[in-house]
Amino acid sequence: MSGILGLHHVTAIAADPQRNLDFYAGVLGLRLVKRTVNFDDPQTYHLYYGDEVGTPGSIMTFFPWPGARSGRAGAGQVAVVSFAILPSAIGFWVERLLRHGVEYQQPVRRGSGPHAEQVLAFRDHDGLMLELVASAAAEARPAWGGAPGIARDHAIHGFHAVTLWIDRAERTEQLLTETLGFRPLREEGTTHRFTVGDGLPGTFVDVRAVGGFGVGAGGAGTVHHVAFAVPDDHAELALRERVSGAGLSPTAVIDRNYFHSVYFREPGHVLFELATNQPGFAVDEPVEHLGERLMLPEQYEPHRAEIEAVLPRIHLSVSPAAASAFAEITGPEDVSGDALGFVHRYIPPSAEGEVAGGTTLLLLHGTGGDEEDLLPLGRALLPGAGMLSPRGNVLERGAPRFFRRLAEGVFDQADLAHRTTELARFVSAAAKAYDLAVDGIVAVGFSNGANIAASLLLRAPGVLRGAVLLSPMLPFEPETLLDLQGTAVFIGAGRADAIAAPEQAERLADVLRRAGADVTLHWTPGGHGITKEEVEAARQWIGQCLTAHCDRNETKAATAT
């Protein structure tokens, strides 16, 4: 009788820890149940995602190595990781992946009869092949209902299966059945499915024969190992003896704090692990606070300061404390990165950001950009500052924008007013959710992003402390000028701009000045773009007028240049 109950966890390699966190905790709605370090490499994170408590069979883990080269899928690897969902959730996930810009394949039916499944295939940012597999049997597995905006009926119910790519599958299949206690379930082409334990989702191992496909190469976007769950130490030791008796070379039992592990390579070269169900992830922090702080094994605790100094800063897209506020603000349909009504990135201030004070840069991209586009610009303008970067909610032939236009240079004024209110609510909600200084938010916008920022200044004084508007236009002619006293604005414009004509920048500057704003109008000889010289001028302006006292006379003098 096998001691294996099913899958315990899958560990993969990632490149950027924050993007990994944003994807698995944000897009997929898994809970970060543990942030710790690679016990063999304490300068690397080990991030664990799962259900509420990190139930074995729900745990996806990563070693994120910044700058890691991409791996290559091939023989000798766990090539595909499949998560379980309910059949009614397929439509939700198609819409969700589309909203987040995640490329996916159209859902397909796999298998027949009682084993029929609907499969939605996609990849994470590093290229790891993933699937959401719809099966009514997924209801038997727990799901975390705490991801804002993802109802339990739509949530991931742990793993469904893993797919091994093996050059010659016979010996691997023999190990699964004769040593580890798996039993054959079905065959479909060159893929054979095996199951163990109760035979429900989370117990399946698909072995795909890929002779001649080429050997896989480890790296970002590949699986490091797959772990199988055993109930206790006794069962693990018994299985270890059977693995050794099969001519393989298992390691000694290794204490991983949250489970005890034995590792070995199966005949097809995939790294297998046996992992105990106990003691679990609540052994060193309470369930309600899982994943909130860096947990270190005892041997590394004396070196905490050095380790924390080396590890990149990461943050949850949605803090547990803010989750209820998000639901009140945007309703149950939104989550994580779009929980405030916009898909967005928030980068908290870093240690080098003392000069930034409480300033947060609100980054607003141009047509066709996204929440990633202006992050480098933000870092250049005010190093170490917090950055809040939303993606426009309007699509123009697939290109994100912040409001509609009727033609080039002709704005849909009703939509502009609506989207400006929408953005103002987003800024207010983000300030609450991320504990931002409400008097320290400075917009940095390019083109369409500059135009929505200008509209925000003219329609909602007080939301922004200041703004950097690059290649802007006057978005509308205000009937009444609201009071912008104390608001500083930098306008960067090109004399040869054929899209945002120079007279538009001059008209915007005049309107803002008449409303009481301190305006610096900086000209470059170029066209519709962002130049290094313009960025340097804006950087200096921020240092003079926003992070230090803004001398009104200096600002007036600068406008004359």
Protein backbone atom coordinates (compact mmCIF):
# COMPACT_ATOMS: atom_id res chain seq x y z
CA MET A 1 0.00 0.00 0.00
CA SER A 2 1.42 3.38 -1.00
CA GLY A 3 2.04 6.05 1.58
CA ILE A 4 1.73 8.78 -1.06
CA LEU A 5 -1.48 10.80 -0.79
CA GLY A 6 -1.06 12.97 -3.88
CA LEU A 7 0.86 16.07 -4.85
CA HIS A 8 2.36 18.12 -2.02
CA HIS A 9 4.01 21.07 -3.81
CA VAL A 10 5.70 22.11 -7.03
CA THR A 11 8.79 24.32 -6.93
CA ALA A 12 9.80 26.37 -9.96
CA ILE A 13 12.34 29.05 -10.87
CA ALA A 14 11.42 32.68 -11.53
CA ALA A 15 13.38 35.80 -12.41
CA ASP A 16 11.73 38.85 -10.80
CA PRO A 17 10.31 38.17 -7.31
CA GLN A 18 7.84 41.07 -7.44
CA ARG A 19 6.42 40.09 -10.82
CA ASN A 20 6.13 36.54 -9.54
CA LEU A 21 4.24 37.74 -6.49
CA ASP A 22 1.99 39.98 -8.57
CA PHE A 23 1.09 37.09 -10.86
CA TYR A 24 0.47 34.25 -8.43
CA ALA A 25 -0.99 36.21 -5.52
CA GLY A 26 -2.47 38.93 -7.74
CA VAL A 27 -3.71 37.48 -11.01
CA LEU A 28 -4.26 33.88 -9.87
CA GLY A 29 -5.46 34.82 -6.39
CA LEU A 30 -3.35 32.33 -4.45
CA ARG A 31 -2.40 33.24 -0.91
CA LEU A 32 1.24 33.96 -0.10
CA VAL A 33 1.51 31.60 2.85
CA LYS A 34 5.25 31.88 3.47
CA ARG A 35 8.05 34.22 2.51
CA THR A 36 11.32 32.69 3.52
CA VAL A 37 14.68 31.96 1.90
CA ASN A 38 16.15 29.08 0.00
CA PHE A 39 17.63 27.08 2.89
CA ASP A 40 20.61 26.20 0.67
CA ASP A 41 21.03 29.77 -0.64
CA PRO A 42 19.80 32.28 1.96
CA GLN A 43 20.33 35.26 -0.34
CA THR A 44 17.43 33.99 -2.48
CA TYR A 45 13.75 34.11 -1.57
CA HIS A 46 11.64 31.00 -1.35
CA LEU A 47 8.02 32.07 -1.88
CA TYR A 48 5.13 29.69 -1.12
CA TYR A 49 1.60 30.18 -2.49
CA GLY A 50 -1.46 28.08 -1.73
CA ASP A 51 -4.86 28.08 -0.09
CA GLU A 52 -5.62 29.69 3.27
CA VAL A 53 -3.27 27.50 5.30
CA GLY A 54 -1.03 26.05 2.60
CA THR A 55 -2.73 22.67 2.45
CA PRO A 56 -0.51 20.02 0.82
CA GLY A 57 -1.67 19.73 -2.75
CA SER A 58 -2.22 23.48 -3.10
CA ILE A 59 1.35 24.74 -2.70
CA MET A 60 3.16 26.36 -5.62
CA THR A 61 6.63 27.61 -4.62
CA PHE A 62 9.35 29.60 -6.34
CA PHE A 63 13.04 30.38 -6.14
CA PRO A 64 13.14 33.86 -7.75
CA TRP A 65 16.64 34.72 -8.95
CA PRO A 66 16.71 38.30 -10.30
CA GLY A 67 18.21 38.32 -13.74
CA ALA A 68 18.01 34.53 -14.12
CA ARG A 69 18.30 33.36 -17.70
CA SER A 70 15.26 31.69 -19.19
CA GLY A 71 15.12 27.92 -19.12
CA ARG A 72 13.96 25.62 -21.89
CA ALA A 73 11.17 23.06 -21.61
CA GLY A 74 12.18 19.58 -22.65
CA ALA A 75 12.68 15.98 -21.66
CA GLY A 76 13.53 15.31 -18.02
CA GLN A 77 11.26 18.02 -16.60
CA VAL A 78 7.89 18.70 -15.07
CA ALA A 79 6.79 20.72 -18.09
CA VAL A 80 3.20 21.67 -17.22
CA VAL A 81 1.55 22.53 -13.90
CA SER A 82 -2.24 22.22 -13.85
CA PHE A 83 -4.53 23.84 -11.27
CA ALA A 84 -8.07 22.68 -10.50
CA ILE A 85 -11.14 24.89 -10.87
CA LEU A 86 -14.88 24.26 -11.03
CA PRO A 87 -16.50 24.02 -14.51
CA SER A 88 -18.53 27.16 -13.83
CA ALA A 89 -15.32 29.19 -13.41
CA ILE A 90 -13.91 28.84 -16.93
CA GLY A 91 -15.59 31.97 -18.25
CA PHE A 92 -14.40 34.00 -15.26
CA TRP A 93 -10.79 32.98 -15.86
CA VAL A 94 -10.88 33.65 -19.61
CA GLU A 95 -12.10 37.18 -18.87
CA ARG A 96 -9.59 37.62 -16.07
CA LEU A 97 -6.56 36.55 -18.10
CA LEU A 98 -7.68 38.78 -20.96
CA ARG A 99 -8.05 41.75 -18.59
CA HIS A 100 -4.56 41.23 -17.24
CA GLY A 101 -3.00 40.87 -20.66
CA VAL A 102 -2.08 37.20 -20.14
CA GLU A 103 -1.95 35.31 -23.42
CA TYR A 104 -3.93 32.07 -23.33
CA GLN A 105 -5.19 29.34 -25.62
CA GLN A 106 -8.91 28.95 -26.13
CA PRO A 107 -10.41 26.38 -23.73
CA VAL A 108 -10.36 22.85 -25.15
CA ARG A 109 -11.95 19.58 -24.10
CA ARG A 110 -9.58 16.82 -23.07
CA GLY A 111 -10.51 13.21 -22.39
CA SER A 112 -13.95 11.66 -22.60
CA GLY A 113 -16.68 10.20 -20.45
CA PRO A 114 -16.29 10.62 -16.69
CA HIS A 115 -12.70 11.79 -17.18
CA ALA A 116 -13.56 14.67 -19.55
CA GLU A 117 -11.96 17.99 -18.65
CA GLN A 118 -12.06 21.52 -20.00
CA VAL A 119 -8.56 23.01 -20.13
CA LEU A 120 -7.43 26.64 -20.27
CA ALA A 121 -3.69 26.83 -21.04
CA PHE A 122 -1.46 29.88 -20.52
CA ARG A 123 2.01 30.87 -19.27
CA ASP A 124 3.32 33.05 -16.47
CA HIS A 125 5.69 36.00 -17.07
CA ASP A 126 8.71 33.69 -17.14
CA GLY A 127 7.16 31.28 -19.64
CA LEU A 128 6.20 28.48 -17.22
CA MET A 129 3.41 26.43 -18.82
CA LEU A 130 0.26 26.44 -16.69
CA GLU A 131 -3.28 25.12 -17.03
CA LEU A 132 -6.59 25.68 -15.33
CA VAL A 133 -8.50 22.40 -15.55
CA ALA A 134 -12.25 22.46 -14.95
CA SER A 135 -13.59 19.44 -13.13
CA ALA A 136 -16.60 18.99 -10.87
CA ALA A 137 -14.39 16.88 -8.62
CA ALA A 138 -12.38 19.99 -7.75
CA GLU A 139 -15.06 20.81 -5.18
CA ALA A 140 -13.54 18.11 -2.97
CA ARG A 141 -10.40 20.20 -2.56
CA PRO A 142 -10.19 23.38 -0.45
CA ALA A 143 -10.02 26.80 -2.05
CA TRP A 144 -9.05 30.11 -0.52
CA GLY A 145 -12.00 32.48 -0.44
CA GLY A 146 -9.92 35.44 0.74
CA ALA A 147 -8.60 36.79 -2.55
CA PRO A 148 -10.49 40.08 -3.04
CA GLY A 149 -12.80 39.84 -6.01
CA ILE A 150 -12.42 36.09 -6.57
CA ALA A 151 -15.41 34.23 -5.17
CA ARG A 152 -14.74 30.79 -3.77
CA ASP A 153 -16.68 29.27 -6.70
CA HIS A 154 -14.15 30.85 -9.07
CA ALA A 155 -11.04 30.26 -6.96
CA ILE A 156 -8.30 27.73 -7.61
CA HIS A 157 -8.84 24.45 -5.73
CA GLY A 158 -5.22 23.37 -5.48
CA PHE A 159 -3.43 21.30 -8.09
CA HIS A 160 -5.09 19.14 -10.68
CA ALA A 161 -2.02 17.43 -12.16
CA VAL A 162 1.56 17.75 -13.25
CA THR A 163 2.83 16.66 -16.64
CA LEU A 164 6.26 15.06 -16.93
CA TRP A 165 8.05 15.14 -20.25
CA ILE A 166 10.16 12.00 -20.50
CA ASP A 167 12.38 10.76 -23.33
CA ARG A 168 11.65 7.08 -22.67
CA ALA A 169 8.72 6.74 -20.32
CA GLU A 170 8.75 3.02 -19.47
CA ARG A 171 11.08 3.15 -16.45
CA THR A 172 9.43 6.28 -15.08
CA GLU A 173 6.02 4.66 -15.30
CA GLN A 174 7.40 1.51 -13.68
CA LEU A 175 8.71 3.57 -10.75
CA LEU A 176 5.36 5.29 -10.31
CA THR A 177 3.38 2.05 -10.24
CA GLU A 178 5.73 -0.50 -8.67
CA THR A 179 7.56 1.69 -6.15
CA LEU A 180 5.45 4.75 -5.40
CA GLY A 181 2.05 3.09 -5.53
CA PHE A 182 0.43 4.98 -8.41
CA ARG A 183 -2.09 3.23 -10.62
CA PRO A 184 -2.81 3.75 -14.35
CA LEU A 185 -5.93 5.78 -15.06
CA ARG A 186 -6.09 6.55 -18.79
CA GLU A 187 -4.10 6.95 -22.00
CA GLU A 188 -4.42 9.72 -24.56
CA GLY A 189 -1.93 9.61 -27.40
CA THR A 190 1.59 9.57 -25.97
CA THR A 191 0.38 10.78 -22.55
CA HIS A 192 -0.40 8.26 -19.81
CA ARG A 193 -2.18 9.42 -16.66
CA PHE A 194 -1.51 7.90 -13.26
CA THR A 195 -3.24 8.55 -9.96
CA VAL A 196 -2.82 7.68 -6.32
CA GLY A 197 -4.76 8.03 -3.06
CA ASP A 198 -8.39 9.06 -3.53
CA GLY A 199 -7.96 9.58 -7.28
CA LEU A 200 -9.34 13.12 -7.23
CA PRO A 201 -7.71 16.33 -8.55
CA GLY A 202 -4.30 16.82 -7.00
CA THR A 203 -3.36 13.16 -7.34
CA PHE A 204 -2.71 13.00 -11.09
CA VAL A 205 0.67 12.61 -12.77
CA ASP A 206 0.65 12.69 -16.57
CA VAL A 207 3.67 11.12 -18.24
CA ARG A 208 4.18 12.29 -21.79
CA ALA A 209 6.70 10.45 -23.96
CA VAL A 210 8.67 13.08 -25.90
CA GLY A 211 11.45 11.01 -27.43
CA GLY A 212 13.63 13.12 -29.69
CA PHE A 213 12.23 16.39 -28.35
CA GLY A 214 15.48 17.47 -26.71
CA VAL A 215 16.58 17.68 -23.10
CA GLY A 216 15.19 20.54 -21.03
CA ALA A 217 17.43 23.23 -19.52
CA GLY A 218 16.82 24.68 -16.09
CA GLY A 219 16.22 28.39 -15.65
CA ALA A 220 13.45 30.92 -15.17
CA GLY A 221 10.12 29.50 -16.30
CA THR A 222 10.95 25.86 -15.53
CA VAL A 223 10.08 23.54 -12.66
CA HIS A 224 12.86 22.65 -10.24
CA HIS A 225 11.11 19.66 -8.62
CA VAL A 226 7.76 18.11 -7.76
CA ALA A 227 6.97 16.89 -4.25
CA PHE A 228 4.57 14.13 -3.29
CA ALA A 229 2.69 14.22 0.02
CA VAL A 230 3.15 11.54 2.67
CA PRO A 231 1.22 11.56 5.93
CA ASP A 232 4.11 11.37 8.40
CA ASP A 233 7.77 10.58 9.04
CA HIS A 234 7.13 6.85 9.32
CA ALA A 235 5.53 6.67 5.89
CA GLU A 236 8.34 8.79 4.44
CA LEU A 237 11.05 6.49 5.79
CA ALA A 238 9.23 3.43 4.47
CA LEU A 239 8.99 4.99 1.01
CA ARG A 240 12.61 6.03 1.15
CA GLU A 241 13.56 2.38 1.65
CA ARG A 242 11.46 1.33 -1.32
CA VAL A 243 13.05 4.01 -3.52
CA SER A 244 16.49 2.85 -2.44
CA GLY A 245 15.49 -0.74 -3.12
CA ALA A 246 14.54 0.27 -6.67
CA GLY A 247 18.16 1.18 -7.30
CA LEU A 248 17.82 4.93 -6.88
CA SER A 249 19.74 7.17 -4.50
CA PRO A 250 17.44 9.11 -2.15
CA THR A 251 18.88 11.73 0.19
CA ALA A 252 18.67 11.52 3.95
CA VAL A 253 15.62 13.16 5.52
CA ILE A 254 16.06 16.96 5.48
CA ASP A 255 14.16 19.24 7.85
CA ARG A 256 12.59 22.09 5.84
CA ASN A 257 10.82 23.56 8.92
CA TYR A 258 7.36 23.22 7.37
CA PHE A 259 7.78 19.59 6.21
CA HIS A 260 10.45 16.90 6.13
CA SER A 261 11.92 16.05 2.75
CA VAL A 262 13.62 13.25 0.86
CA TYR A 263 14.87 13.92 -2.69
CA PHE A 264 15.79 11.61 -5.57
CA ARG A 265 15.92 11.65 -9.36
CA GLU A 266 13.60 9.26 -11.13
CA PRO A 267 14.89 7.33 -14.21
CA GLY A 268 13.75 10.08 -16.60
CA HIS A 269 15.84 12.63 -14.63
CA VAL A 270 12.97 14.58 -13.04
CA LEU A 271 13.76 15.57 -9.44
CA PHE A 272 11.17 14.02 -7.09
CA GLU A 273 10.63 14.84 -3.43
CA LEU A 274 8.74 13.11 -0.66
CA ALA A 275 7.33 15.70 1.77
CA THR A 276 5.44 15.18 5.02
CA ASN A 277 2.12 16.90 5.62
CA GLN A 278 3.28 18.16 8.99
CA PRO A 279 4.20 20.40 10.73
CA GLY A 280 2.73 22.90 8.24
CA PHE A 281 3.09 26.64 7.69
CA ALA A 282 1.53 27.84 10.95
CA VAL A 283 4.47 26.46 12.93
CA ASP A 284 6.22 29.85 13.06
CA GLU A 285 3.47 32.45 12.47
CA PRO A 286 -0.31 32.53 13.00
CA VAL A 287 -2.60 31.58 10.12
CA GLU A 288 -4.10 35.06 9.92
CA HIS A 289 -0.65 36.57 9.27
CA LEU A 290 0.90 33.95 7.00
CA GLY A 291 3.26 35.40 4.42
CA GLU A 292 3.34 38.92 5.82
CA ARG A 293 6.95 38.97 7.01
CA LEU A 294 10.23 37.24 6.21
CA MET A 295 10.57 34.03 8.21
CA LEU A 296 14.06 32.57 8.60
CA PRO A 297 15.18 29.15 9.80
CA GLU A 298 16.96 29.15 13.13
CA GLN A 299 20.45 28.92 11.64
CA TYR A 300 19.95 32.16 9.66
CA GLU A 301 18.16 34.27 12.26
CA PRO A 302 21.42 35.77 13.63
CA HIS A 303 22.12 37.02 10.08
CA ARG A 304 18.68 38.55 9.49
CA ALA A 305 19.97 42.11 8.94
CA GLU A 306 22.49 41.02 6.31
CA ILE A 307 19.96 38.78 4.55
CA GLU A 308 17.25 41.43 4.47
CA ALA A 309 19.76 43.94 3.08
CA VAL A 310 20.52 41.64 0.12
CA LEU A 311 16.99 40.44 -0.71
CA PRO A 312 15.00 42.64 -3.13
CA ARG A 313 12.07 44.50 -1.58
CA ILE A 314 8.73 42.86 -2.34
CA HIS A 315 5.19 43.67 -1.34
CA LEU A 316 1.76 42.18 -1.71
CA SER A 317 -0.38 43.88 -4.34
CA VAL A 318 -3.16 43.96 -1.78
CA SER A 319 -2.37 43.99 1.91
CA PRO A 320 -4.70 41.86 4.04
CA ALA A 321 -5.71 44.99 5.95
CA ALA A 322 -6.83 46.70 2.75
CA ALA A 323 -8.80 43.81 1.28
CA SER A 324 -12.10 44.74 2.93
CA ALA A 325 -11.67 48.37 1.91
CA PHE A 326 -11.12 47.31 -1.70
CA ALA A 327 -14.36 45.34 -1.70
CA GLU A 328 -16.24 48.40 -0.45
CA ILE A 329 -14.66 50.63 -3.08
CA THR A 330 -14.94 48.52 -6.20
CA GLY A 331 -17.26 45.63 -5.56
CA PRO A 332 -16.62 41.90 -5.72
CA GLU A 333 -15.62 41.71 -9.37
CA ASP A 334 -12.14 43.23 -8.93
CA VAL A 335 -9.03 41.83 -7.33
CA SER A 336 -5.44 42.62 -6.51
CA GLY A 337 -3.81 44.62 -9.26
CA ASP A 338 -7.22 45.85 -10.46
CA ALA A 339 -8.92 45.95 -7.08
CA LEU A 340 -9.22 49.73 -7.17
CA GLY A 341 -10.85 49.85 -10.58
CA PHE A 342 -7.58 49.81 -12.54
CA VAL A 343 -5.01 47.18 -13.31
CA HIS A 344 -1.99 48.78 -11.68
CA ARG A 345 1.42 48.43 -10.09
CA TYR A 346 2.33 49.94 -6.75
CA ILE A 347 6.02 50.15 -5.88
CA PRO A 348 6.58 51.28 -2.27
CA PRO A 349 9.34 53.78 -1.50
CA SER A 350 12.80 52.31 -1.02
CA ALA A 351 15.47 53.05 1.54
CA GLU A 352 17.18 55.45 -0.89
CA GLY A 353 14.01 57.53 -1.10
CA GLU A 354 14.57 59.81 1.91
CA VAL A 355 14.88 62.83 -0.38
CA ALA A 356 11.46 61.97 -1.82
CA GLY A 357 9.84 62.48 1.56
CA GLY A 358 6.21 61.39 1.33
CA THR A 359 6.00 61.90 -2.43
CA THR A 360 4.28 59.22 -4.51
CA LEU A 361 4.52 59.44 -8.30
CA LEU A 362 1.25 58.70 -10.12
CA LEU A 363 2.50 57.38 -13.48
CA LEU A 364 0.10 57.79 -16.41
CA HIS A 365 1.16 56.20 -19.70
CA GLY A 366 0.46 57.29 -23.26
CA THR A 367 -1.74 55.49 -25.79
CA GLY A 368 -0.67 51.87 -26.14
CA GLY A 369 1.30 51.82 -22.90
CA ASP A 370 0.58 49.95 -19.71
CA GLU A 371 1.34 49.96 -15.99
CA GLU A 372 4.98 49.02 -16.63
CA ASP A 373 5.84 51.71 -19.20
CA LEU A 374 6.72 54.71 -17.05
CA LEU A 375 8.34 52.92 -14.11
CA PRO A 376 11.86 53.65 -15.46
CA LEU A 377 10.89 57.31 -15.92
CA GLY A 378 9.63 57.47 -12.36
CA ARG A 379 12.89 56.05 -11.04
CA ALA A 380 14.86 58.59 -13.06
CA LEU A 381 12.78 61.55 -11.90
CA LEU A 382 12.77 60.78 -8.18
CA PRO A 383 14.87 57.75 -7.15
CA GLY A 384 13.40 55.79 -4.27
CA ALA A 385 9.95 57.41 -4.41
CA GLY A 386 6.81 55.34 -4.18
CA MET A 387 5.18 54.78 -7.58
CA LEU A 388 1.53 54.13 -8.40
CA SER A 389 1.05 53.16 -12.03
CA PRO A 390 -2.43 52.35 -13.40
CA ARG A 391 -3.28 51.03 -16.85
CA GLY A 392 -5.91 52.97 -18.77
CA ASN A 393 -9.31 51.28 -18.85
CA VAL A 394 -10.21 52.30 -22.41
CA LEU A 395 -9.06 50.27 -25.41
CA GLU A 396 -8.59 51.89 -28.81
CA ARG A 397 -7.99 49.12 -31.35
CA GLY A 398 -6.45 47.10 -28.53
CA ALA A 399 -4.27 49.97 -27.23
CA PRO A 400 -4.93 51.06 -23.62
CA ARG A 401 -5.88 54.71 -23.07
CA PHE A 402 -7.31 56.68 -20.17
CA PHE A 403 -10.30 58.12 -22.10
CA ARG A 404 -11.91 57.87 -25.51
CA ARG A 405 -11.32 60.15 -28.46
CA LEU A 406 -13.52 60.69 -31.49
CA ALA A 407 -10.59 61.42 -33.81
CA GLU A 408 -6.94 62.44 -33.54
CA GLY A 409 -6.93 65.42 -31.17
CA VAL A 410 -10.74 65.32 -30.71
CA PHE A 411 -11.70 64.04 -27.27
CA ASP A 412 -14.96 62.44 -26.16
CA GLN A 413 -15.75 65.04 -23.51
CA ALA A 414 -18.42 63.01 -21.70
CA ASP A 415 -16.06 60.07 -21.41
CA LEU A 416 -13.19 62.35 -20.37
CA ALA A 417 -15.27 63.71 -17.48
CA HIS A 418 -16.31 60.21 -16.43
CA ARG A 419 -12.77 58.81 -16.63
CA THR A 420 -11.37 61.76 -14.70
CA THR A 421 -13.77 61.05 -11.85
CA GLU A 422 -12.83 57.37 -12.08
CA LEU A 423 -9.13 58.22 -11.80
CA ALA A 424 -9.72 60.58 -8.86
CA ARG A 425 -11.54 57.79 -7.01
CA PHE A 426 -8.68 55.43 -7.80
CA VAL A 427 -6.12 57.85 -6.34
CA SER A 428 -8.21 58.32 -3.19
CA ALA A 429 -8.72 54.57 -2.77
CA ALA A 430 -5.04 53.84 -3.39
CA ALA A 431 -4.03 56.40 -0.78
CA LYS A 432 -6.20 54.56 1.74
CA ALA A 433 -5.13 51.08 0.67
CA TYR A 434 -1.39 51.77 0.52
CA ASP A 435 -1.28 54.35 3.31
CA LEU A 436 -0.04 57.13 1.02
CA ALA A 437 0.33 60.76 2.05
CA VAL A 438 -2.67 62.35 0.34
CA ASP A 439 -0.83 65.66 0.00
CA GLY A 440 2.20 64.04 -1.61
CA ILE A 441 0.83 62.61 -4.88
CA VAL A 442 2.46 63.97 -8.03
CA ALA A 443 1.23 62.94 -11.47
CA VAL A 444 3.75 62.12 -14.19
CA GLY A 445 1.99 61.72 -17.51
CA PHE A 446 2.94 61.41 -21.16
CA SER A 447 0.58 62.31 -24.02
CA ASN A 448 -2.79 60.71 -23.20
CA GLY A 449 -1.61 60.24 -19.61
CA ALA A 450 -0.62 63.91 -19.41
CA ASN A 451 -4.04 64.89 -20.73
CA ILE A 452 -5.95 62.91 -18.11
CA ALA A 453 -3.63 64.37 -15.45
CA ALA A 454 -4.42 67.89 -16.71
CA SER A 455 -8.12 67.08 -16.57
CA LEU A 456 -7.65 65.84 -13.02
CA LEU A 457 -5.95 69.12 -12.05
CA LEU A 458 -8.74 71.22 -13.56
CA ARG A 459 -11.64 69.12 -12.28
CA ALA A 460 -10.45 67.89 -8.89
CA PRO A 461 -8.07 70.36 -7.21
CA GLY A 462 -6.39 68.90 -4.17
CA VAL A 463 -6.05 65.36 -5.53
CA LEU A 464 -2.58 66.14 -6.87
CA ARG A 465 0.18 68.07 -5.17
CA GLY A 466 1.76 68.69 -8.54
CA ALA A 467 2.23 67.25 -11.99
CA VAL A 468 4.82 66.62 -14.70
CA LEU A 469 2.98 66.82 -18.01
CA LEU A 470 4.97 65.67 -21.04
CA SER A 471 3.61 66.37 -24.55
CA PRO A 472 0.17 67.44 -23.24
CA MET A 473 -2.83 69.20 -24.73
CA LEU A 474 -5.53 71.27 -23.07
CA PRO A 475 -8.08 68.45 -22.58
CA PHE A 476 -11.11 70.77 -22.34
CA GLU A 477 -11.98 74.44 -21.95
CA PRO A 478 -13.15 74.85 -18.34
CA GLU A 479 -16.23 77.02 -17.87
CA THR A 480 -15.10 77.84 -14.33
CA LEU A 481 -11.54 77.87 -13.05
CA LEU A 482 -11.13 76.12 -9.72
CA ASP A 483 -8.46 77.17 -7.22
CA LEU A 484 -5.05 75.61 -7.91
CA GLN A 485 -3.09 77.80 -5.50
CA GLY A 486 -0.15 75.81 -4.09
CA THR A 487 -0.11 73.36 -7.02
CA ALA A 488 3.11 73.15 -9.04
CA VAL A 489 3.11 71.96 -12.67
CA PHE A 490 5.96 71.20 -15.10
CA ILE A 491 5.00 71.11 -18.77
CA GLY A 492 7.48 69.60 -21.21
CA ALA A 493 6.64 70.30 -24.84
CA GLY A 494 8.28 70.03 -28.26
CA ARG A 495 8.38 72.89 -30.73
CA ALA A 496 8.03 70.37 -33.58
CA ASP A 497 5.29 68.25 -32.00
CA ALA A 498 2.77 67.41 -34.74
CA ILE A 499 0.38 65.58 -32.38
CA ALA A 500 0.24 67.92 -29.39
CA ALA A 501 0.77 71.24 -31.12
CA PRO A 502 2.92 73.85 -29.31
CA GLU A 503 -0.05 76.21 -28.99
CA GLN A 504 -1.85 73.48 -27.01
CA ALA A 505 0.92 73.46 -24.40
CA GLU A 506 0.87 77.24 -24.23
CA ARG A 507 -2.92 77.30 -23.85
CA LEU A 508 -2.78 74.67 -21.07
CA ALA A 509 -0.08 76.62 -19.24
CA ASP A 510 -2.17 79.80 -19.45
CA VAL A 511 -5.31 78.11 -18.09
CA LEU A 512 -3.39 76.52 -15.20
CA ARG A 513 -1.71 79.80 -14.30
CA ARG A 514 -5.04 81.66 -14.31
CA ALA A 515 -6.30 78.99 -11.89
CA GLY A 516 -3.42 79.85 -9.57
CA ALA A 517 -0.95 77.05 -10.31
CA ASP A 518 2.82 77.64 -10.43
CA VAL A 519 3.69 76.52 -13.97
CA THR A 520 7.08 75.82 -15.54
CA LEU A 521 6.88 75.50 -19.33
CA HIS A 522 9.97 73.81 -20.70
CA TRP A 523 10.54 73.66 -24.46
CA THR A 524 12.61 71.24 -26.51
CA PRO A 525 13.18 71.44 -30.28
CA GLY A 526 11.85 67.91 -30.81
CA GLY A 527 8.49 66.29 -31.49
CA HIS A 528 6.08 64.02 -29.64
CA GLY A 529 8.33 62.08 -27.29
CA ILE A 530 10.35 62.15 -24.10
CA THR A 531 13.95 63.32 -24.37
CA LYS A 532 16.83 62.92 -21.92
CA GLU A 533 17.16 66.69 -21.69
CA GLU A 534 13.46 66.98 -20.81
CA VAL A 535 13.75 64.28 -18.15
CA GLU A 536 16.74 66.03 -16.59
CA ALA A 537 14.88 69.35 -16.53
CA ALA A 538 11.86 67.69 -14.90
CA ARG A 539 14.11 65.94 -12.37
CA GLN A 540 15.68 69.23 -11.33
CA TRP A 541 12.27 70.87 -11.17
CA ILE A 542 10.97 68.14 -8.85
CA GLY A 543 13.95 68.62 -6.58
CA GLN A 544 13.40 72.39 -6.43
CA CYS A 545 9.63 72.62 -6.36
CA LEU A 546 8.26 69.45 -4.81
CA THR A 547 10.77 67.77 -2.52
CA ALA A 548 11.95 71.17 -1.28
CA HIS A 549 10.20 74.52 -0.82
CA CYS A 550 9.09 75.88 -4.19
CA ASP A 551 10.14 79.50 -4.52
CA ARG A 552 7.41 81.23 -6.47
CA ASN A 553 9.80 83.76 -7.95
CA GLU A 554 12.17 81.02 -9.18
CA THR A 555 9.24 79.27 -10.84
CA LYS A 556 8.14 82.43 -12.59
CA ALA A 557 11.65 83.00 -13.84
CA ALA A 558 11.82 79.46 -15.18
CA THR A 559 8.63 79.91 -17.18
CA ALA A 560 10.33 82.60 -19.21
CA THR A 561 12.91 80.19 -20.60
